């Protein structure tokens, strides 16, 4: 299974795994699953860090690499697809995850049920 992590799940997986729903940490650790992080989630996390909304002492990219989380780039078709989504949700980072999940046939790992409105497969975090 391909798992695409929402930004809060990235943070929890790296620093507060006890916040994850039962079974999610095991799914992330399973070699049977590909664990992916969108560039948009990295961007969201770093914006919040720069604004002082998050305190993260570690190098995010190094932490992702150490946790065997692969980074997914944003493609032109991803940008077009995200912009053309129905207006269920205005968060551009979440909309990008919807577009990328569709392209990759991935399951989004998130606590946010808004992904369900788009018909995106979701593993509740």
N, C-alpha and C. Protein backbone atom coordinates (compact mmCIF):
# COMPACT_ATOMS: atom_id res chain seq x y z
N UNK A 1 0.85 -1.17 0.00
CA UNK A 1 0.00 0.00 0.00
C UNK A 1 0.90 1.24 0.00
N UNK A 2 0.44 2.26 -0.68
CA UNK A 2 1.15 3.54 -0.69
C UNK A 2 0.45 4.46 0.29
N UNK A 3 1.20 4.95 1.27
CA UNK A 3 0.67 5.84 2.30
C UNK A 3 1.26 7.24 2.11
N UNK A 4 0.40 8.24 1.94
CA UNK A 4 0.80 9.62 1.77
C UNK A 4 0.41 10.37 3.05
N UNK A 5 1.40 10.88 3.77
CA UNK A 5 1.18 11.44 5.09
C UNK A 5 0.81 12.91 5.07
N UNK A 6 -0.23 13.25 5.82
CA UNK A 6 -0.58 14.64 6.07
C UNK A 6 0.49 15.22 6.99
N UNK A 7 0.65 16.54 6.99
CA UNK A 7 1.73 17.19 7.75
C UNK A 7 1.71 16.83 9.23
N UNK A 8 0.53 16.82 9.85
CA UNK A 8 0.49 16.51 11.29
C UNK A 8 0.93 15.07 11.55
N UNK A 9 0.66 14.18 10.62
CA UNK A 9 1.07 12.78 10.79
C UNK A 9 2.59 12.67 10.67
N UNK A 10 3.18 13.45 9.79
CA UNK A 10 4.65 13.48 9.69
C UNK A 10 5.24 13.86 11.04
N UNK A 11 4.72 14.94 11.62
CA UNK A 11 5.24 15.41 12.90
C UNK A 11 5.03 14.38 14.01
N UNK A 12 3.86 13.78 14.06
CA UNK A 12 3.58 12.77 15.08
C UNK A 12 4.48 11.55 14.90
N UNK A 13 4.61 11.09 13.67
CA UNK A 13 5.42 9.90 13.41
C UNK A 13 6.88 10.13 13.80
N UNK A 14 7.37 11.34 13.57
CA UNK A 14 8.77 11.63 13.87
C UNK A 14 9.03 11.96 15.33
N UNK A 15 8.04 12.54 16.01
CA UNK A 15 8.31 13.01 17.37
C UNK A 15 7.34 12.62 18.45
N UNK A 16 6.12 12.26 18.08
CA UNK A 16 5.10 11.92 19.07
C UNK A 16 4.26 10.74 18.58
N UNK A 17 4.89 9.60 18.35
CA UNK A 17 4.15 8.47 17.77
C UNK A 17 2.98 8.00 18.64
N UNK A 18 2.99 8.33 19.91
CA UNK A 18 1.88 7.94 20.78
C UNK A 18 0.59 8.65 20.41
N UNK A 19 0.67 9.73 19.65
CA UNK A 19 -0.52 10.46 19.22
C UNK A 19 -1.23 9.79 18.04
N UNK A 20 -0.54 8.87 17.38
CA UNK A 20 -1.13 8.20 16.23
C UNK A 20 -2.22 7.22 16.68
N UNK A 21 -3.23 7.05 15.85
CA UNK A 21 -4.30 6.09 16.13
C UNK A 21 -3.71 4.68 16.20
N UNK A 22 -4.38 3.80 16.93
CA UNK A 22 -3.89 2.43 17.03
C UNK A 22 -3.66 1.80 15.65
N UNK A 23 -2.52 1.18 15.49
CA UNK A 23 -2.19 0.49 14.25
C UNK A 23 -1.50 1.35 13.21
N UNK A 24 -1.56 2.67 13.34
CA UNK A 24 -0.97 3.54 12.32
C UNK A 24 0.56 3.45 12.36
N UNK A 25 1.15 3.49 13.53
CA UNK A 25 2.61 3.39 13.62
C UNK A 25 3.10 2.08 12.99
N UNK A 26 2.36 1.02 13.21
CA UNK A 26 2.72 -0.28 12.62
C UNK A 26 2.62 -0.23 11.10
N UNK A 27 1.58 0.44 10.58
CA UNK A 27 1.43 0.57 9.13
C UNK A 27 2.59 1.37 8.53
N UNK A 28 3.02 2.41 9.24
CA UNK A 28 4.13 3.23 8.76
C UNK A 28 5.44 2.46 8.79
N UNK A 29 5.59 1.57 9.75
CA UNK A 29 6.83 0.80 9.90
C UNK A 29 6.87 -0.44 9.02
N UNK A 30 5.73 -0.85 8.50
CA UNK A 30 5.67 -2.09 7.73
C UNK A 30 6.43 -1.97 6.41
N UNK A 31 7.34 -2.90 6.14
CA UNK A 31 8.05 -2.89 4.86
C UNK A 31 7.12 -3.14 3.66
N UNK A 32 5.91 -3.60 3.92
CA UNK A 32 4.94 -3.84 2.85
C UNK A 32 4.36 -2.53 2.32
N UNK A 33 4.54 -1.44 3.06
CA UNK A 33 3.97 -0.15 2.67
C UNK A 33 5.05 0.82 2.23
N UNK A 34 4.73 1.64 1.23
CA UNK A 34 5.58 2.75 0.84
C UNK A 34 5.06 3.98 1.57
N UNK A 35 5.92 4.63 2.34
CA UNK A 35 5.52 5.80 3.12
C UNK A 35 6.08 7.05 2.43
N UNK A 36 5.16 7.93 2.02
CA UNK A 36 5.52 9.10 1.24
C UNK A 36 5.12 10.39 1.95
N UNK A 37 5.94 11.42 1.73
CA UNK A 37 5.66 12.76 2.25
C UNK A 37 5.74 13.71 1.06
N UNK A 38 4.68 14.47 0.86
CA UNK A 38 4.65 15.43 -0.23
C UNK A 38 5.53 16.64 0.09
N UNK A 39 6.12 17.18 -0.95
CA UNK A 39 6.85 18.44 -0.81
C UNK A 39 5.92 19.50 -0.20
N UNK A 40 4.63 19.42 -0.50
CA UNK A 40 3.69 20.40 0.06
C UNK A 40 3.60 20.29 1.57
N UNK A 41 3.71 19.09 2.12
CA UNK A 41 3.68 18.93 3.59
C UNK A 41 4.96 19.46 4.22
N UNK A 42 6.08 19.24 3.55
CA UNK A 42 7.35 19.80 4.04
C UNK A 42 7.27 21.32 4.05
N UNK A 43 6.75 21.87 2.97
CA UNK A 43 6.59 23.32 2.86
C UNK A 43 5.68 23.85 3.97
N UNK A 44 4.56 23.17 4.19
CA UNK A 44 3.62 23.59 5.25
C UNK A 44 4.30 23.58 6.62
N UNK A 45 5.02 22.51 6.91
CA UNK A 45 5.71 22.41 8.20
C UNK A 45 6.74 23.52 8.36
N UNK A 46 7.52 23.76 7.31
CA UNK A 46 8.57 24.78 7.40
C UNK A 46 8.00 26.19 7.47
N UNK A 47 6.87 26.44 6.84
CA UNK A 47 6.20 27.74 6.97
C UNK A 47 5.78 27.94 8.42
N UNK A 48 5.17 26.92 9.02
CA UNK A 48 4.73 27.04 10.41
C UNK A 48 5.90 27.19 11.35
N UNK A 49 7.03 26.53 11.04
CA UNK A 49 8.23 26.69 11.86
C UNK A 49 8.72 28.13 11.75
N UNK A 50 8.79 28.68 10.54
CA UNK A 50 9.29 30.04 10.33
C UNK A 50 8.41 31.08 11.02
N UNK A 51 7.10 30.80 11.10
CA UNK A 51 6.17 31.72 11.76
C UNK A 51 6.16 31.57 13.28
N UNK A 52 6.90 30.59 13.79
CA UNK A 52 6.94 30.36 15.22
C UNK A 52 5.78 29.54 15.75
N UNK A 53 5.00 28.92 14.86
CA UNK A 53 3.86 28.10 15.27
C UNK A 53 4.28 26.68 15.63
N UNK A 54 5.49 26.30 15.22
CA UNK A 54 6.03 24.96 15.52
C UNK A 54 7.45 25.11 16.02
N UNK A 55 7.79 24.29 16.99
CA UNK A 55 9.18 24.21 17.44
C UNK A 55 9.69 22.82 17.08
N UNK A 56 10.57 22.79 16.12
CA UNK A 56 11.19 21.54 15.71
C UNK A 56 12.69 21.79 15.71
N UNK A 57 13.39 21.06 16.53
CA UNK A 57 14.83 21.26 16.65
C UNK A 57 15.62 20.50 15.60
N UNK A 58 15.07 19.44 15.07
CA UNK A 58 15.83 18.59 14.15
C UNK A 58 15.67 19.02 12.70
N UNK A 59 16.59 18.57 11.89
CA UNK A 59 16.54 18.80 10.46
C UNK A 59 15.45 17.90 9.87
N UNK A 60 14.41 18.50 9.34
CA UNK A 60 13.25 17.74 8.87
C UNK A 60 13.62 16.76 7.76
N UNK A 61 14.40 17.21 6.79
CA UNK A 61 14.74 16.33 5.67
C UNK A 61 15.58 15.14 6.13
N UNK A 62 16.49 15.37 7.04
CA UNK A 62 17.30 14.27 7.58
C UNK A 62 16.43 13.31 8.37
N UNK A 63 15.48 13.85 9.12
CA UNK A 63 14.58 12.99 9.91
C UNK A 63 13.71 12.13 9.00
N UNK A 64 13.23 12.69 7.89
CA UNK A 64 12.43 11.92 6.94
C UNK A 64 13.26 10.80 6.34
N UNK A 65 14.47 11.11 5.98
CA UNK A 65 15.37 10.11 5.40
C UNK A 65 15.64 8.99 6.41
N UNK A 66 15.89 9.36 7.65
CA UNK A 66 16.15 8.37 8.69
C UNK A 66 14.96 7.50 9.01
N UNK A 67 13.77 8.01 8.75
CA UNK A 67 12.54 7.27 9.05
C UNK A 67 12.02 6.51 7.83
N UNK A 68 12.82 6.43 6.78
CA UNK A 68 12.47 5.78 5.52
C UNK A 68 11.18 6.31 4.90
N UNK A 69 11.04 7.63 4.96
CA UNK A 69 9.91 8.30 4.32
C UNK A 69 10.42 8.97 3.05
N UNK A 70 9.84 8.62 1.92
CA UNK A 70 10.27 9.16 0.64
C UNK A 70 9.50 10.44 0.32
N UNK A 71 10.18 11.38 -0.30
CA UNK A 71 9.59 12.67 -0.65
C UNK A 71 9.01 12.61 -2.07
N UNK A 72 7.78 13.12 -2.20
CA UNK A 72 7.09 13.17 -3.48
C UNK A 72 7.07 14.61 -3.98
N UNK A 73 7.62 14.82 -5.16
CA UNK A 73 7.61 16.15 -5.77
C UNK A 73 6.22 16.50 -6.28
N UNK A 74 6.00 17.78 -6.45
CA UNK A 74 4.76 18.27 -7.04
C UNK A 74 4.98 18.39 -8.54
N UNK A 75 4.10 17.79 -9.31
CA UNK A 75 4.18 17.88 -10.77
C UNK A 75 3.22 18.95 -11.28
N UNK A 76 3.42 19.35 -12.52
CA UNK A 76 2.48 20.27 -13.15
C UNK A 76 1.06 19.74 -13.14
N UNK A 77 0.86 18.46 -13.54
CA UNK A 77 -0.50 17.91 -13.47
C UNK A 77 -1.07 17.87 -12.05
N UNK A 78 -0.22 17.70 -11.04
CA UNK A 78 -0.71 17.76 -9.64
C UNK A 78 -1.27 19.15 -9.36
N UNK A 79 -0.54 20.18 -9.78
CA UNK A 79 -0.98 21.55 -9.53
C UNK A 79 -2.30 21.85 -10.22
N UNK A 80 -2.43 21.41 -11.46
CA UNK A 80 -3.68 21.63 -12.20
C UNK A 80 -4.83 20.87 -11.51
N UNK A 81 -4.59 19.62 -11.15
CA UNK A 81 -5.64 18.80 -10.52
C UNK A 81 -6.07 19.40 -9.18
N UNK A 82 -5.11 19.86 -8.38
CA UNK A 82 -5.45 20.45 -7.08
C UNK A 82 -6.27 21.72 -7.25
N UNK A 83 -5.91 22.54 -8.22
CA UNK A 83 -6.63 23.79 -8.46
C UNK A 83 -8.05 23.55 -8.97
N UNK A 84 -8.27 22.44 -9.64
CA UNK A 84 -9.59 22.16 -10.23
C UNK A 84 -10.50 21.34 -9.32
N UNK A 85 -10.06 21.02 -8.13
CA UNK A 85 -10.90 20.24 -7.22
C UNK A 85 -12.14 21.03 -6.80
N UNK A 86 -13.23 20.33 -6.50
CA UNK A 86 -14.40 21.02 -5.96
C UNK A 86 -14.03 21.74 -4.66
N UNK A 87 -14.77 22.77 -4.34
CA UNK A 87 -14.43 23.63 -3.20
C UNK A 87 -14.89 23.07 -1.86
N UNK A 88 -14.66 21.78 -1.63
CA UNK A 88 -15.00 21.20 -0.32
C UNK A 88 -14.10 21.78 0.78
N UNK A 89 -12.92 22.18 0.38
CA UNK A 89 -11.90 22.57 1.36
C UNK A 89 -10.97 23.56 0.68
N UNK A 90 -10.58 24.60 1.40
CA UNK A 90 -9.76 25.64 0.79
C UNK A 90 -8.28 25.51 1.12
N UNK A 91 -7.89 24.62 1.99
CA UNK A 91 -6.49 24.47 2.36
C UNK A 91 -5.68 23.96 1.17
N UNK A 92 -4.77 24.77 0.63
CA UNK A 92 -4.05 24.35 -0.57
C UNK A 92 -3.14 23.13 -0.34
N UNK A 93 -2.66 22.97 0.87
CA UNK A 93 -1.79 21.82 1.15
C UNK A 93 -2.59 20.51 1.13
N UNK A 94 -3.76 20.54 1.73
CA UNK A 94 -4.61 19.34 1.70
C UNK A 94 -5.11 19.05 0.29
N UNK A 95 -5.42 20.09 -0.46
CA UNK A 95 -5.88 19.89 -1.84
C UNK A 95 -4.78 19.24 -2.68
N UNK A 96 -3.53 19.63 -2.42
CA UNK A 96 -2.41 19.00 -3.13
C UNK A 96 -2.31 17.53 -2.77
N UNK A 97 -2.52 17.19 -1.51
CA UNK A 97 -2.49 15.78 -1.12
C UNK A 97 -3.57 14.98 -1.82
N UNK A 98 -4.75 15.57 -1.99
CA UNK A 98 -5.83 14.89 -2.71
C UNK A 98 -5.39 14.61 -4.15
N UNK A 99 -4.82 15.61 -4.80
CA UNK A 99 -4.38 15.44 -6.19
C UNK A 99 -3.27 14.39 -6.29
N UNK A 100 -2.31 14.45 -5.38
CA UNK A 100 -1.21 13.49 -5.44
C UNK A 100 -1.67 12.08 -5.10
N UNK A 101 -2.57 11.96 -4.15
CA UNK A 101 -3.10 10.64 -3.80
C UNK A 101 -3.80 10.01 -5.00
N UNK A 102 -4.53 10.83 -5.76
CA UNK A 102 -5.21 10.31 -6.95
C UNK A 102 -4.18 9.84 -7.98
N UNK A 103 -3.13 10.63 -8.20
CA UNK A 103 -2.12 10.25 -9.19
C UNK A 103 -1.37 8.99 -8.78
N UNK A 104 -1.07 8.87 -7.49
CA UNK A 104 -0.25 7.77 -6.99
C UNK A 104 -1.06 6.55 -6.57
N UNK A 105 -2.39 6.68 -6.59
CA UNK A 105 -3.27 5.64 -6.05
C UNK A 105 -2.88 5.34 -4.61
N UNK A 106 -2.74 6.43 -3.84
CA UNK A 106 -2.27 6.35 -2.46
C UNK A 106 -3.41 6.56 -1.48
N UNK A 107 -3.19 6.10 -0.28
CA UNK A 107 -4.08 6.34 0.84
C UNK A 107 -3.48 7.46 1.67
N UNK A 108 -4.27 8.50 1.94
CA UNK A 108 -3.80 9.60 2.77
C UNK A 108 -3.95 9.19 4.24
N UNK A 109 -2.91 9.42 5.00
CA UNK A 109 -2.95 9.15 6.43
C UNK A 109 -3.16 10.50 7.12
N UNK A 110 -4.34 10.68 7.74
CA UNK A 110 -4.71 11.96 8.32
C UNK A 110 -5.83 11.79 9.33
N UNK A 111 -5.88 12.70 10.27
CA UNK A 111 -7.03 12.72 11.19
C UNK A 111 -8.19 13.51 10.57
N UNK A 112 -7.91 14.26 9.51
CA UNK A 112 -8.89 15.16 8.92
C UNK A 112 -9.82 14.43 7.95
N UNK A 113 -11.09 14.42 8.28
CA UNK A 113 -12.10 13.73 7.48
C UNK A 113 -12.42 14.46 6.18
N UNK A 114 -11.89 15.66 5.96
CA UNK A 114 -12.17 16.39 4.73
C UNK A 114 -11.74 15.60 3.50
N UNK A 115 -10.75 14.75 3.64
CA UNK A 115 -10.31 13.94 2.50
C UNK A 115 -11.42 13.00 2.02
N UNK A 116 -12.28 12.60 2.94
CA UNK A 116 -13.40 11.73 2.59
C UNK A 116 -14.36 12.41 1.61
N UNK A 117 -14.49 13.74 1.73
CA UNK A 117 -15.38 14.49 0.84
C UNK A 117 -14.93 14.42 -0.61
N UNK A 118 -13.66 14.15 -0.82
CA UNK A 118 -13.11 14.04 -2.17
C UNK A 118 -13.07 12.60 -2.67
N UNK A 119 -13.50 11.66 -1.83
CA UNK A 119 -13.44 10.27 -2.22
C UNK A 119 -12.03 9.69 -2.14
N UNK A 120 -11.16 10.37 -1.44
CA UNK A 120 -9.77 9.94 -1.27
C UNK A 120 -9.71 8.86 -0.20
N UNK A 121 -9.03 7.77 -0.50
CA UNK A 121 -8.84 6.73 0.52
C UNK A 121 -8.07 7.35 1.68
N UNK A 122 -8.51 7.06 2.92
CA UNK A 122 -7.88 7.67 4.09
C UNK A 122 -7.72 6.65 5.19
N UNK A 123 -6.54 6.63 5.78
CA UNK A 123 -6.29 5.86 7.00
C UNK A 123 -6.34 6.86 8.13
N UNK A 124 -7.36 6.78 9.01
CA UNK A 124 -7.47 7.75 10.11
C UNK A 124 -6.26 7.67 11.04
N UNK A 125 -5.68 8.85 11.27
CA UNK A 125 -4.49 8.91 12.10
C UNK A 125 -4.84 9.26 13.53
